[in-house]
PDB file of N, CA and C in Angstrom:
ATOM      1  N   UNK A   1      79.815  45.323  71.228  1.00  0.00           N
ATOM      2  CA  UNK A   1      79.811  45.403  69.772  1.00  0.00           C
ATOM      3  C   UNK A   1      81.188  44.975  69.283  1.00  0.00           C
ATOM      4  N   UNK A   2      81.249  44.076  68.319  1.00  0.00           N
ATOM      5  CA  UNK A   2      82.556  43.615  67.837  1.00  0.00           C
ATOM      6  C   UNK A   2      83.390  44.774  67.295  1.00  0.00           C
ATOM      7  N   UNK A   3      84.689  44.616  67.434  1.00  0.00           N
ATOM      8  CA  UNK A   3      85.629  45.665  67.065  1.00  0.00           C
ATOM      9  C   UNK A   3      85.562  46.014  65.584  1.00  0.00           C
ATOM     10  N   UNK A   4      85.476  45.023  64.719  1.00  0.00           N
ATOM     11  CA  UNK A   4      85.450  45.293  63.277  1.00  0.00           C
ATOM     12  C   UNK A   4      84.162  46.014  62.866  1.00  0.00           C
ATOM     13  N   UNK A   5      83.042  45.656  63.470  1.00  0.00           N
ATOM     14  CA  UNK A   5      81.787  46.341  63.152  1.00  0.00           C
ATOM     15  C   UNK A   5      81.855  47.805  63.586  1.00  0.00           C
ATOM     16  N   UNK A   6      82.401  48.052  64.766  1.00  0.00           N
ATOM     17  CA  UNK A   6      82.554  49.417  65.249  1.00  0.00           C
ATOM     18  C   UNK A   6      83.494  50.213  64.333  1.00  0.00           C
ATOM     19  N   UNK A   7      84.567  49.593  63.865  1.00  0.00           N
ATOM     20  CA  UNK A   7      85.491  50.257  62.938  1.00  0.00           C
ATOM     21  C   UNK A   7      84.812  50.588  61.619  1.00  0.00           C
ATOM     22  N   UNK A   8      83.992  49.678  61.124  1.00  0.00           N
ATOM     23  CA  UNK A   8      83.270  49.931  59.871  1.00  0.00           C
ATOM     24  C   UNK A   8      82.297  51.090  60.016  1.00  0.00           C
ATOM     25  N   UNK A   9      81.534  51.092  61.101  1.00  0.00           N
ATOM     26  CA  UNK A   9      80.535  52.136  61.310  1.00  0.00           C
ATOM     27  C   UNK A   9      81.196  53.503  61.446  1.00  0.00           C
ATOM     28  N   UNK A  10      82.208  53.606  62.300  1.00  0.00           N
ATOM     29  CA  UNK A  10      82.875  54.889  62.514  1.00  0.00           C
ATOM     30  C   UNK A  10      83.622  55.317  61.260  1.00  0.00           C
ATOM     31  N   UNK A  11      84.273  54.383  60.579  1.00  0.00           N
ATOM     32  CA  UNK A  11      85.002  54.714  59.357  1.00  0.00           C
ATOM     33  C   UNK A  11      84.097  55.257  58.265  1.00  0.00           C
ATOM     34  N   UNK A  12      82.989  54.587  58.035  1.00  0.00           N
ATOM     35  CA  UNK A  12      82.045  55.055  57.001  1.00  0.00           C
ATOM     36  C   UNK A  12      81.431  56.392  57.406  1.00  0.00           C
ATOM     37  N   UNK A  13      81.127  56.556  58.677  1.00  0.00           N
ATOM     38  CA  UNK A  13      80.589  57.847  59.140  1.00  0.00           C
ATOM     39  C   UNK A  13      81.596  58.974  58.920  1.00  0.00           C
ATOM     40  N   UNK A  14      82.869  58.740  59.262  1.00  0.00           N
ATOM     41  CA  UNK A  14      83.901  59.769  59.053  1.00  0.00           C
ATOM     42  C   UNK A  14      84.051  60.117  57.579  1.00  0.00           C
ATOM     43  N   UNK A  15      84.008  59.119  56.707  1.00  0.00           N
ATOM     44  CA  UNK A  15      84.140  59.383  55.267  1.00  0.00           C
ATOM     45  C   UNK A  15      82.976  60.230  54.774  1.00  0.00           C
ATOM     46  N   UNK A  16      81.764  59.834  55.122  1.00  0.00           N
ATOM     47  CA  UNK A  16      80.582  60.558  54.637  1.00  0.00           C
ATOM     48  C   UNK A  16      80.535  61.985  55.187  1.00  0.00           C
ATOM     49  N   UNK A  17      80.756  62.140  56.482  1.00  0.00           N
ATOM     50  CA  UNK A  17      80.649  63.478  57.069  1.00  0.00           C
ATOM     51  C   UNK A  17      81.772  64.397  56.601  1.00  0.00           C
ATOM     52  N   UNK A  18      82.991  63.897  56.494  1.00  0.00           N
ATOM     53  CA  UNK A  18      84.077  64.764  56.042  1.00  0.00           C
ATOM     54  C   UNK A  18      83.917  65.134  54.569  1.00  0.00           C
ATOM     55  N   UNK A  19      83.440  64.212  53.748  1.00  0.00           N
ATOM     56  CA  UNK A  19      83.187  64.551  52.343  1.00  0.00           C
ATOM     57  C   UNK A  19      82.069  65.586  52.226  1.00  0.00           C
ATOM     58  N   UNK A  20      81.031  65.440  53.021  1.00  0.00           N
ATOM     59  CA  UNK A  20      79.939  66.416  52.990  1.00  0.00           C
ATOM     60  C   UNK A  20      80.435  67.794  53.408  1.00  0.00           C
ATOM     61  N   UNK A  21      81.266  67.852  54.435  1.00  0.00           N
ATOM     62  CA  UNK A  21      81.781  69.143  54.884  1.00  0.00           C
ATOM     63  C   UNK A  21      82.794  69.719  53.902  1.00  0.00           C
ATOM     64  N   UNK A  22      83.592  68.867  53.256  1.00  0.00           N
ATOM     65  CA  UNK A  22      84.556  69.373  52.271  1.00  0.00           C
ATOM     66  C   UNK A  22      83.862  69.879  51.012  1.00  0.00           C
ATOM     67  N   UNK A  23      82.801  69.202  50.611  1.00  0.00           N
ATOM     68  CA  UNK A  23      82.096  69.609  49.394  1.00  0.00           C
ATOM     69  C   UNK A  23      81.149  70.782  49.628  1.00  0.00           C
ATOM     70  N   UNK A  24      80.722  70.985  50.872  1.00  0.00           N
ATOM     71  CA  UNK A  24      79.790  72.067  51.174  1.00  0.00           C
ATOM     72  C   UNK A  24      80.204  72.753  52.477  1.00  0.00           C
ATOM     73  N   UNK A  25      81.260  73.575  52.444  1.00  0.00           N
ATOM     74  CA  UNK A  25      81.762  74.186  53.678  1.00  0.00           C
ATOM     75  C   UNK A  25      80.771  75.141  54.345  1.00  0.00           C
ATOM     76  N   UNK A  26      79.896  75.746  53.576  1.00  0.00           N
ATOM     77  CA  UNK A  26      78.935  76.670  54.189  1.00  0.00           C
ATOM     78  C   UNK A  26      77.961  75.931  55.110  1.00  0.00           C
ATOM     79  N   UNK A  27      77.705  74.667  54.820  1.00  0.00           N
ATOM     80  CA  UNK A  27      76.820  73.853  55.655  1.00  0.00           C
ATOM     81  C   UNK A  27      77.398  73.683  57.056  1.00  0.00           C
ATOM     82  N   UNK A  28      78.676  73.326  57.145  1.00  0.00           N
ATOM     83  CA  UNK A  28      79.273  73.117  58.460  1.00  0.00           C
ATOM     84  C   UNK A  28      79.423  74.427  59.222  1.00  0.00           C
ATOM     85  N   UNK A  29      79.651  75.526  58.507  1.00  0.00           N
ATOM     86  CA  UNK A  29      79.732  76.823  59.185  1.00  0.00           C
ATOM     87  C   UNK A  29      78.387  77.198  59.784  1.00  0.00           C
ATOM     88  N   UNK A  30      77.296  76.867  59.082  1.00  0.00           N
ATOM     89  CA  UNK A  30      75.954  77.115  59.624  1.00  0.00           C
ATOM     90  C   UNK A  30      75.698  76.253  60.856  1.00  0.00           C
ATOM     91  N   UNK A  31      76.191  75.020  60.832  1.00  0.00           N
ATOM     92  CA  UNK A  31      76.018  74.133  61.980  1.00  0.00           C
ATOM     93  C   UNK A  31      76.698  74.734  63.202  1.00  0.00           C
ATOM     94  N   UNK A  32      77.951  75.177  63.050  1.00  0.00           N
ATOM     95  CA  UNK A  32      78.666  75.775  64.178  1.00  0.00           C
ATOM     96  C   UNK A  32      78.007  77.066  64.643  1.00  0.00           C
ATOM     97  N   UNK A  33      77.526  77.879  63.723  1.00  0.00           N
ATOM     98  CA  UNK A  33      76.866  79.129  64.091  1.00  0.00           C
ATOM     99  C   UNK A  33      75.591  78.837  64.891  1.00  0.00           C
ATOM    100  N   UNK A  34      74.789  77.873  64.423  1.00  0.00           N
ATOM    101  CA  UNK A  34      73.561  77.518  65.136  1.00  0.00           C
ATOM    102  C   UNK A  34      73.865  76.888  66.492  1.00  0.00           C
ATOM    103  N   UNK A  35      74.901  76.069  66.532  1.00  0.00           N
ATOM    104  CA  UNK A  35      75.275  75.409  67.779  1.00  0.00           C
ATOM    105  C   UNK A  35      75.753  76.421  68.810  1.00  0.00           C
ATOM    106  N   UNK A  36      76.483  77.451  68.365  1.00  0.00           N
ATOM    107  CA  UNK A  36      76.974  78.451  69.316  1.00  0.00           C
ATOM    108  C   UNK A  36      75.859  79.335  69.857  1.00  0.00           C
ATOM    109  N   UNK A  37      74.708  79.383  69.189  1.00  0.00           N
ATOM    110  CA  UNK A  37      73.593  80.216  69.630  1.00  0.00           C
ATOM    111  C   UNK A  37      72.580  79.456  70.484  1.00  0.00           C
ATOM    112  N   UNK A  38      72.577  78.136  70.424  1.00  0.00           N
ATOM    113  CA  UNK A  38      71.529  77.365  71.086  1.00  0.00           C
ATOM    114  C   UNK A  38      72.114  76.449  72.162  1.00  0.00           C
ATOM    115  N   UNK A  39      71.756  76.735  73.416  1.00  0.00           N
ATOM    116  CA  UNK A  39      72.204  75.874  74.502  1.00  0.00           C
ATOM    117  C   UNK A  39      71.494  74.527  74.499  1.00  0.00           C
ATOM    118  N   UNK A  40      70.288  74.487  73.948  1.00  0.00           N
ATOM    119  CA  UNK A  40      69.567  73.223  73.835  1.00  0.00           C
ATOM    120  C   UNK A  40      70.286  72.255  72.909  1.00  0.00           C
ATOM    121  N   UNK A  41      70.756  72.762  71.772  1.00  0.00           N
ATOM    122  CA  UNK A  41      71.524  71.910  70.856  1.00  0.00           C
ATOM    123  C   UNK A  41      72.834  71.457  71.496  1.00  0.00           C
ATOM    124  N   UNK A  42      73.477  72.346  72.249  1.00  0.00           N
ATOM    125  CA  UNK A  42      74.709  71.961  72.939  1.00  0.00           C
ATOM    126  C   UNK A  42      74.440  70.823  73.917  1.00  0.00           C
ATOM    127  N   UNK A  43      73.324  70.892  74.601  1.00  0.00           N
ATOM    128  CA  UNK A  43      72.960  69.851  75.558  1.00  0.00           C
ATOM    129  C   UNK A  43      72.693  68.522  74.855  1.00  0.00           C
ATOM    130  N   UNK A  44      71.960  68.573  73.750  1.00  0.00           N
ATOM    131  CA  UNK A  44      71.647  67.342  73.010  1.00  0.00           C
ATOM    132  C   UNK A  44      72.918  66.732  72.415  1.00  0.00           C
ATOM    133  N   UNK A  45      73.725  67.558  71.740  1.00  0.00           N
ATOM    134  CA  UNK A  45      74.965  67.053  71.148  1.00  0.00           C
ATOM    135  C   UNK A  45      75.945  66.593  72.225  1.00  0.00           C
ATOM    136  N   UNK A  46      76.002  67.316  73.332  1.00  0.00           N
ATOM    137  CA  UNK A  46      76.887  66.918  74.419  1.00  0.00           C
ATOM    138  C   UNK A  46      76.479  65.589  75.028  1.00  0.00           C
ATOM    139  N   UNK A  47      75.194  65.414  75.246  1.00  0.00           N
ATOM    140  CA  UNK A  47      74.710  64.152  75.814  1.00  0.00           C
ATOM    141  C   UNK A  47      74.975  62.983  74.874  1.00  0.00           C
ATOM    142  N   UNK A  48      74.729  63.184  73.580  1.00  0.00           N
ATOM    143  CA  UNK A  48      74.991  62.092  72.638  1.00  0.00           C
ATOM    144  C   UNK A  48      76.484  61.812  72.525  1.00  0.00           C
ATOM    145  N   UNK A  49      77.306  62.847  72.632  1.00  0.00           N
ATOM    146  CA  UNK A  49      78.756  62.632  72.619  1.00  0.00           C
ATOM    147  C   UNK A  49      79.224  61.850  73.823  1.00  0.00           C
ATOM    148  N   UNK A  50      78.666  62.154  74.974  1.00  0.00           N
ATOM    149  CA  UNK A  50      79.031  61.428  76.193  1.00  0.00           C
ATOM    150  C   UNK A  50      78.615  59.966  76.106  1.00  0.00           C
ATOM    151  N   UNK A  51      77.381  59.713  75.694  1.00  0.00           N
ATOM    152  CA  UNK A  51      76.890  58.333  75.596  1.00  0.00           C
ATOM    153  C   UNK A  51      77.695  57.544  74.564  1.00  0.00           C
ATOM    154  N   UNK A  52      77.935  58.144  73.407  1.00  0.00           N
ATOM    155  CA  UNK A  52      78.693  57.453  72.363  1.00  0.00           C
ATOM    156  C   UNK A  52      80.133  57.219  72.797  1.00  0.00           C
ATOM    157  N   UNK A  53      80.763  58.234  73.381  1.00  0.00           N
ATOM    158  CA  UNK A  53      82.144  58.098  73.826  1.00  0.00           C
ATOM    159  C   UNK A  53      82.317  57.030  74.886  1.00  0.00           C
ATOM    160  N   UNK A  54      81.447  57.034  75.882  1.00  0.00           N
ATOM    161  CA  UNK A  54      81.527  56.022  76.943  1.00  0.00           C
ATOM    162  C   UNK A  54      81.257  54.629  76.375  1.00  0.00           C
ATOM    163  N   UNK A  55      80.327  54.520  75.440  1.00  0.00           N
ATOM    164  CA  UNK A  55      80.037  53.221  74.818  1.00  0.00           C
ATOM    165  C   UNK A  55      81.257  52.694  74.066  1.00  0.00           C
ATOM    166  N   UNK A  56      81.917  53.553  73.336  1.00  0.00           N
ATOM    167  CA  UNK A  56      83.108  53.126  72.591  1.00  0.00           C
ATOM    168  C   UNK A  56      84.226  52.744  73.550  1.00  0.00           C
ATOM    169  N   UNK A  57      84.438  53.545  74.581  1.00  0.00           N
ATOM    170  CA  UNK A  57      85.510  53.269  75.542  1.00  0.00           C
ATOM    171  C   UNK A  57      85.284  51.930  76.247  1.00  0.00           C
ATOM    172  N   UNK A  58      84.063  51.674  76.683  1.00  0.00           N
ATOM    173  CA  UNK A  58      83.787  50.440  77.415  1.00  0.00           C
ATOM    174  C   UNK A  58      83.675  49.214  76.521  1.00  0.00           C
ATOM    175  N   UNK A  59      83.500  49.413  75.206  1.00  0.00           N
ATOM    176  CA  UNK A  59      83.281  48.260  74.342  1.00  0.00           C
ATOM    177  C   UNK A  59      84.566  47.650  73.792  1.00  0.00           C
ATOM    178  N   UNK A  60      85.705  48.295  73.971  1.00  0.00           N
ATOM    179  CA  UNK A  60      86.937  47.671  73.461  1.00  0.00           C
ATOM    180  C   UNK A  60      88.069  47.833  74.454  1.00  0.00           C
ATOM    181  N   UNK A  61      89.050  46.935  74.309  1.00  0.00           N
ATOM    182  CA  UNK A  61      90.240  46.984  75.155  1.00  0.00           C
ATOM    183  C   UNK A  61      91.237  47.949  74.539  1.00  0.00           C
ATOM    184  N   UNK A  62      91.993  48.642  75.364  1.00  0.00           N
ATOM    185  CA  UNK A  62      92.823  49.739  74.889  1.00  0.00           C
ATOM    186  C   UNK A  62      94.054  49.298  74.105  1.00  0.00           C
ATOM    187  N   UNK A  63      94.786  48.318  74.551  1.00  0.00           N
ATOM    188  CA  UNK A  63      96.146  48.176  74.035  1.00  0.00           C
ATOM    189  C   UNK A  63      96.426  46.879  73.268  1.00  0.00           C
ATOM    190  N   UNK A  64      95.486  46.344  72.517  1.00  0.00           N
ATOM    191  CA  UNK A  64      95.766  45.121  71.791  1.00  0.00           C
ATOM    192  C   UNK A  64      96.103  45.335  70.326  1.00  0.00           C
ATOM    193  N   UNK A  65      95.478  46.283  69.666  1.00  0.00           N
ATOM    194  CA  UNK A  65      95.764  46.497  68.252  1.00  0.00           C
ATOM    195  C   UNK A  65      95.627  47.968  67.906  1.00  0.00           C
ATOM    196  N   UNK A  66      95.982  48.272  66.676  1.00  0.00           N
ATOM    197  CA  UNK A  66      95.888  49.639  66.183  1.00  0.00           C
ATOM    198  C   UNK A  66      94.434  50.111  66.180  1.00  0.00           C
ATOM    199  N   UNK A  67      93.510  49.195  65.846  1.00  0.00           N
ATOM    200  CA  UNK A  67      92.084  49.538  65.860  1.00  0.00           C
ATOM    201  C   UNK A  67      91.654  49.998  67.251  1.00  0.00           C
ATOM    202  N   UNK A  68      92.062  49.257  68.262  1.00  0.00           N
ATOM    203  CA  UNK A  68      91.658  49.589  69.624  1.00  0.00           C
ATOM    204  C   UNK A  68      92.177  50.954  70.048  1.00  0.00           C
ATOM    205  N   UNK A  69      93.408  51.249  69.695  1.00  0.00           N
ATOM    206  CA  UNK A  69      93.986  52.540  70.072  1.00  0.00           C
ATOM    207  C   UNK A  69      93.246  53.674  69.372  1.00  0.00           C
ATOM    208  N   UNK A  70      92.989  53.529  68.075  1.00  0.00           N
ATOM    209  CA  UNK A  70      92.284  54.569  67.326  1.00  0.00           C
ATOM    210  C   UNK A  70      90.861  54.720  67.840  1.00  0.00           C
ATOM    211  N   UNK A  71      90.158  53.603  68.035  1.00  0.00           N
ATOM    212  CA  UNK A  71      88.776  53.672  68.527  1.00  0.00           C
ATOM    213  C   UNK A  71      88.710  54.229  69.945  1.00  0.00           C
ATOM    214  N   UNK A  72      89.666  53.875  70.786  1.00  0.00           N
ATOM    215  CA  UNK A  72      89.683  54.433  72.139  1.00  0.00           C
ATOM    216  C   UNK A  72      89.939  55.935  72.102  1.00  0.00           C
ATOM    217  N   UNK A  73      90.826  56.380  71.211  1.00  0.00           N
ATOM    218  CA  UNK A  73      91.086  57.817  71.074  1.00  0.00           C
ATOM    219  C   UNK A  73      89.829  58.544  70.593  1.00  0.00           C
ATOM    220  N   UNK A  74      89.116  57.946  69.659  1.00  0.00           N
ATOM    221  CA  UNK A  74      87.858  58.543  69.182  1.00  0.00           C
ATOM    222  C   UNK A  74      86.839  58.587  70.322  1.00  0.00           C
ATOM    223  N   UNK A  75      86.746  57.520  71.090  1.00  0.00           N
ATOM    224  CA  UNK A  75      85.820  57.481  72.228  1.00  0.00           C
ATOM    225  C   UNK A  75      86.150  58.537  73.273  1.00  0.00           C
ATOM    226  N   UNK A  76      87.427  58.658  73.628  1.00  0.00           N
ATOM    227  CA  UNK A  76      87.832  59.677  74.598  1.00  0.00           C
ATOM    228  C   UNK A  76      87.605  61.077  74.040  1.00  0.00           C
ATOM    229  N   UNK A  77      87.832  61.259  72.736  1.00  0.00           N
ATOM    230  CA  UNK A  77      87.574  62.555  72.113  1.00  0.00           C
ATOM    231  C   UNK A  77      86.100  62.922  72.167  1.00  0.00           C
ATOM    232  N   UNK A  78      85.244  61.962  71.849  1.00  0.00           N
ATOM    233  CA  UNK A  78      83.798  62.213  71.918  1.00  0.00           C
ATOM    234  C   UNK A  78      83.345  62.512  73.347  1.00  0.00           C
ATOM    235  N   UNK A  79      83.891  61.779  74.289  1.00  0.00           N
ATOM    236  CA  UNK A  79      83.550  62.024  75.689  1.00  0.00           C
ATOM    237  C   UNK A  79      83.980  63.427  76.115  1.00  0.00           C
ATOM    238  N   UNK A  80      85.180  63.831  75.729  1.00  0.00           N
ATOM    239  CA  UNK A  80      85.686  65.158  76.073  1.00  0.00           C
ATOM    240  C   UNK A  80      84.840  66.255  75.434  1.00  0.00           C
ATOM    241  N   UNK A  81      84.534  66.090  74.149  1.00  0.00           N
ATOM    242  CA  UNK A  81      83.711  67.081  73.449  1.00  0.00           C
ATOM    243  C   UNK A  81      82.326  67.159  74.077  1.00  0.00           C
ATOM    244  N   UNK A  82      81.753  66.023  74.418  1.00  0.00           N
ATOM    245  CA  UNK A  82      80.435  66.014  75.058  1.00  0.00           C
ATOM    246  C   UNK A  82      80.446  66.737  76.396  1.00  0.00           C
ATOM    247  N   UNK A  83      81.476  66.496  77.201  1.00  0.00           N
ATOM    248  CA  UNK A  83      81.572  67.176  78.493  1.00  0.00           C
ATOM    249  C   UNK A  83      81.764  68.684  78.318  1.00  0.00           C
ATOM    250  N   UNK A  84      82.587  69.072  77.345  1.00  0.00           N
ATOM    251  CA  UNK A  84      82.797  70.504  77.079  1.00  0.00           C
ATOM    252  C   UNK A  84      81.491  71.153  76.624  1.00  0.00           C
ATOM    253  N   UNK A  85      80.745  70.475  75.747  1.00  0.00           N
ATOM    254  CA  UNK A  85      79.483  71.040  75.266  1.00  0.00           C
ATOM    255  C   UNK A  85      78.471  71.226  76.388  1.00  0.00           C
ATOM    256  N   UNK A  86      78.463  70.326  77.348  1.00  0.00           N
ATOM    257  CA  UNK A  86      77.491  70.432  78.437  1.00  0.00           C
ATOM    258  C   UNK A  86      77.942  71.440  79.495  1.00  0.00           C
ATOM    259  N   UNK A  87      79.210  71.393  79.887  1.00  0.00           N
ATOM    260  CA  UNK A  87      79.658  72.252  80.973  1.00  0.00           C
ATOM    261  C   UNK A  87      80.121  73.640  80.523  1.00  0.00           C
ATOM    262  N   UNK A  88      80.617  73.764  79.287  1.00  0.00           N
ATOM    263  CA  UNK A  88      81.117  75.047  78.787  1.00  0.00           C
ATOM    264  C   UNK A  88      80.554  75.339  77.394  1.00  0.00           C
ATOM    265  N   UNK A  89      79.257  75.562  77.272  1.00  0.00           N
ATOM    266  CA  UNK A  89      78.669  75.742  75.938  1.00  0.00           C
ATOM    267  C   UNK A  89      79.158  77.003  75.218  1.00  0.00           C
ATOM    268  N   UNK A  90      79.639  77.995  75.950  1.00  0.00           N
ATOM    269  CA  UNK A  90      80.129  79.217  75.307  1.00  0.00           C
ATOM    270  C   UNK A  90      81.456  78.999  74.585  1.00  0.00           C
ATOM    271  N   UNK A  91      82.137  77.919  74.885  1.00  0.00           N
ATOM    272  CA  UNK A  91      83.423  77.658  74.221  1.00  0.00           C
ATOM    273  C   UNK A  91      83.240  77.361  72.736  1.00  0.00           C
ATOM    274  N   UNK A  92      82.045  77.020  72.311  1.00  0.00           N
ATOM    275  CA  UNK A  92      81.774  76.758  70.896  1.00  0.00           C
ATOM    276  C   UNK A  92      81.977  78.021  70.072  1.00  0.00           C
ATOM    277  N   UNK A  93      81.709  79.183  70.648  1.00  0.00           N
ATOM    278  CA  UNK A  93      81.917  80.441  69.923  1.00  0.00           C
ATOM    279  C   UNK A  93      83.384  80.621  69.565  1.00  0.00           C
ATOM    280  N   UNK A  94      84.284  80.288  70.497  1.00  0.00           N
ATOM    281  CA  UNK A  94      85.722  80.381  70.214  1.00  0.00           C
ATOM    282  C   UNK A  94      86.140  79.356  69.170  1.00  0.00           C
ATOM    283  N   UNK A  95      85.572  78.165  69.261  1.00  0.00           N
ATOM    284  CA  UNK A  95      85.888  77.128  68.282  1.00  0.00           C
ATOM    285  C   UNK A  95      85.384  77.523  66.899  1.00  0.00           C
ATOM    286  N   UNK A  96      84.250  78.181  66.858  1.00  0.00           N
ATOM    287  CA  UNK A  96      83.691  78.633  65.579  1.00  0.00           C
ATOM    288  C   UNK A  96      84.626  79.639  64.916  1.00  0.00           C
ATOM    289  N   UNK A  97      85.221  80.524  65.700  1.00  0.00           N
ATOM    290  CA  UNK A  97      86.159  81.507  65.145  1.00  0.00           C
ATOM    291  C   UNK A  97      87.397  80.831  64.580  1.00  0.00           C
ATOM    292  N   UNK A  98      87.907  79.810  65.275  1.00  0.00           N
ATOM    293  CA  UNK A  98      89.076  79.080  64.768  1.00  0.00           C
ATOM    294  C   UNK A  98      88.716  78.259  63.540  1.00  0.00           C
ATOM    295  N   UNK A  99      87.495  77.757  63.512  1.00  0.00           N
ATOM    296  CA  UNK A  99      87.048  76.899  62.422  1.00  0.00           C
ATOM    297  C   UNK A  99      86.780  77.694  61.151  1.00  0.00           C
ATOM    298  N   UNK A 100      86.618  79.007  61.274  1.00  0.00           N
ATOM    299  CA  UNK A 100      86.423  79.842  60.095  1.00  0.00           C
ATOM    300  C   UNK A 100      87.686  79.927  59.250  1.00  0.00           C
ATOM    301  N   UNK A 101      88.828  79.686  59.874  1.00  0.00           N
ATOM    302  CA  UNK A 101      90.090  79.674  59.149  1.00  0.00           C
ATOM    303  C   UNK A 101      90.057  78.539  58.130  1.00  0.00           C
ATOM    304  N   UNK A 102      90.278  78.856  56.882  1.00  0.00           N
ATOM    305  CA  UNK A 102      90.158  77.888  55.792  1.00  0.00           C
ATOM    306  C   UNK A 102      91.133  76.725  55.948  1.00  0.00           C
ATOM    307  N   UNK A 103      92.350  77.007  56.399  1.00  0.00           N
ATOM    308  CA  UNK A 103      93.345  75.932  56.534  1.00  0.00           C
ATOM    309  C   UNK A 103      92.971  74.934  57.632  1.00  0.00           C
ATOM    310  N   UNK A 104      92.554  75.432  58.780  1.00  0.00           N
ATOM    311  CA  UNK A 104      92.206  74.507  59.861  1.00  0.00           C
ATOM    312  C   UNK A 104      90.978  73.681  59.491  1.00  0.00           C
ATOM    313  N   UNK A 105      90.030  74.297  58.802  1.00  0.00           N
ATOM    314  CA  UNK A 105      88.844  73.583  58.341  1.00  0.00           C
ATOM    315  C   UNK A 105      89.252  72.437  57.412  1.00  0.00           C
ATOM    316  N   UNK A 106      90.138  72.728  56.482  1.00  0.00           N
ATOM    317  CA  UNK A 106      90.602  71.722  55.528  1.00  0.00           C
ATOM    318  C   UNK A 106      91.365  70.612  56.230  1.00  0.00           C
ATOM    319  N   UNK A 107      92.261  70.962  57.150  1.00  0.00           N
ATOM    320  CA  UNK A 107      93.068  69.953  57.843  1.00  0.00           C
ATOM    321  C   UNK A 107      92.216  69.034  58.714  1.00  0.00           C
ATOM    322  N   UNK A 108      91.283  69.606  59.431  1.00  0.00           N
ATOM    323  CA  UNK A 108      90.434  68.781  60.294  1.00  0.00           C
ATOM    324  C   UNK A 108      89.646  67.767  59.467  1.00  0.00           C
ATOM    325  N   UNK A 109      89.081  68.224  58.358  1.00  0.00           N
ATOM    326  CA  UNK A 109      88.300  67.309  57.525  1.00  0.00           C
ATOM    327  C   UNK A 109      89.171  66.305  56.791  1.00  0.00           C
ATOM    328  N   UNK A 110      90.374  66.677  56.408  1.00  0.00           N
ATOM    329  CA  UNK A 110      91.284  65.709  55.776  1.00  0.00           C
ATOM    330  C   UNK A 110      91.741  64.645  56.763  1.00  0.00           C
ATOM    331  N   UNK A 111      91.951  65.037  58.015  1.00  0.00           N
ATOM    332  CA  UNK A 111      92.317  64.052  59.044  1.00  0.00           C
ATOM    333  C   UNK A 111      91.156  63.087  59.284  1.00  0.00           C
ATOM    334  N   UNK A 112      89.938  63.624  59.361  1.00  0.00           N
ATOM    335  CA  UNK A 112      88.765  62.756  59.522  1.00  0.00           C
ATOM    336  C   UNK A 112      88.603  61.823  58.326  1.00  0.00           C
ATOM    337  N   UNK A 113      88.802  62.340  57.120  1.00  0.00           N
ATOM    338  CA  UNK A 113      88.672  61.523  55.915  1.00  0.00           C
ATOM    339  C   UNK A 113      89.728  60.419  55.890  1.00  0.00           C
ATOM    340  N   UNK A 114      90.960  60.757  56.210  1.00  0.00           N
ATOM    341  CA  UNK A 114      92.040  59.763  56.221  1.00  0.00           C
ATOM    342  C   UNK A 114      91.795  58.694  57.280  1.00  0.00           C
ATOM    343  N   UNK A 115      91.372  59.112  58.464  1.00  0.00           N
ATOM    344  CA  UNK A 115      91.062  58.148  59.527  1.00  0.00           C
ATOM    345  C   UNK A 115      89.910  57.246  59.111  1.00  0.00           C
ATOM    346  N   UNK A 116      88.884  57.826  58.494  1.00  0.00           N
ATOM    347  CA  UNK A 116      87.746  57.031  58.034  1.00  0.00           C
ATOM    348  C   UNK A 116      88.138  56.021  56.968  1.00  0.00           C
ATOM    349  N   UNK A 117      88.964  56.446  56.022  1.00  0.00           N
ATOM    350  CA  UNK A 117      89.425  55.519  54.974  1.00  0.00           C
ATOM    351  C   UNK A 117      90.250  54.399  55.591  1.00  0.00           C
ATOM    352  N   UNK A 118      91.154  54.742  56.512  1.00  0.00           N
ATOM    353  CA  UNK A 118      91.979  53.719  57.160  1.00  0.00           C
ATOM    354  C   UNK A 118      91.115  52.710  57.921  1.00  0.00           C
ATOM    355  N   UNK A 119      90.185  53.203  58.732  1.00  0.00           N
ATOM    356  CA  UNK A 119      89.346  52.285  59.514  1.00  0.00           C
ATOM    357  C   UNK A 119      88.483  51.417  58.619  1.00  0.00           C
ATOM    358  N   UNK A 120      87.916  52.007  57.568  1.00  0.00           N
ATOM    359  CA  UNK A 120      87.027  51.248  56.692  1.00  0.00           C
ATOM    360  C   UNK A 120      87.779  50.184  55.915  1.00  0.00           C
ATOM    361  N   UNK A 121      88.881  50.573  55.294  1.00  0.00           N
ATOM    362  CA  UNK A 121      89.650  49.591  54.498  1.00  0.00           C
ATOM    363  C   UNK A 121      90.207  48.496  55.398  1.00  0.00           C
ATOM    364  N   UNK A 122      90.775  48.875  56.526  1.00  0.00           N
ATOM    365  CA  UNK A 122      91.369  47.870  57.422  1.00  0.00           C
ATOM    366  C   UNK A 122      90.322  46.923  58.004  1.00  0.00           C
ATOM    367  N   UNK A 123      89.134  47.423  58.268  1.00  0.00           N
ATOM    368  CA  UNK A 123      88.133  46.542  58.869  1.00  0.00           C
ATOM    369  C   UNK A 123      87.460  45.632  57.847  1.00  0.00           C
ATOM    370  N   UNK A 124      87.456  46.035  56.570  1.00  0.00           N
ATOM    371  CA  UNK A 124      86.873  45.170  55.546  1.00  0.00           C
ATOM    372  C   UNK A 124      87.856  44.130  55.024  1.00  0.00           C
ATOM    373  N   UNK A 125      89.143  44.321  55.274  1.00  0.00           N
ATOM    374  CA  UNK A 125      90.146  43.332  54.796  1.00  0.00           C
ATOM    375  C   UNK A 125      90.372  42.225  55.771  1.00  0.00           C
TER     376      UNK A 125
END
């Protein structure tokens, strides 16, 4: 998949998901609560994270541009999260407790929003 198309897709996804979570925080808290209770959901989300992460990692070269570094970091992050969800599903309960903190919730979503805006604007120019 071409690098610019991948940047557009991930950038737009980050913008939409972070805006949805910022505008409706109770929705994301319900997602984490449901995820911490269901091992089936952990397996599904973990598997999709692994497949998506490996696809991103293998589809671009690491050290040629800023896009590649950011996309590779996102790919490695997805791969790591997917492996954690499959091998350590109980760790989501601890993450849910940290995510209840209003400041960390805000910072995580602002970082996702900023990354999404950067990837989207840079890939469309």
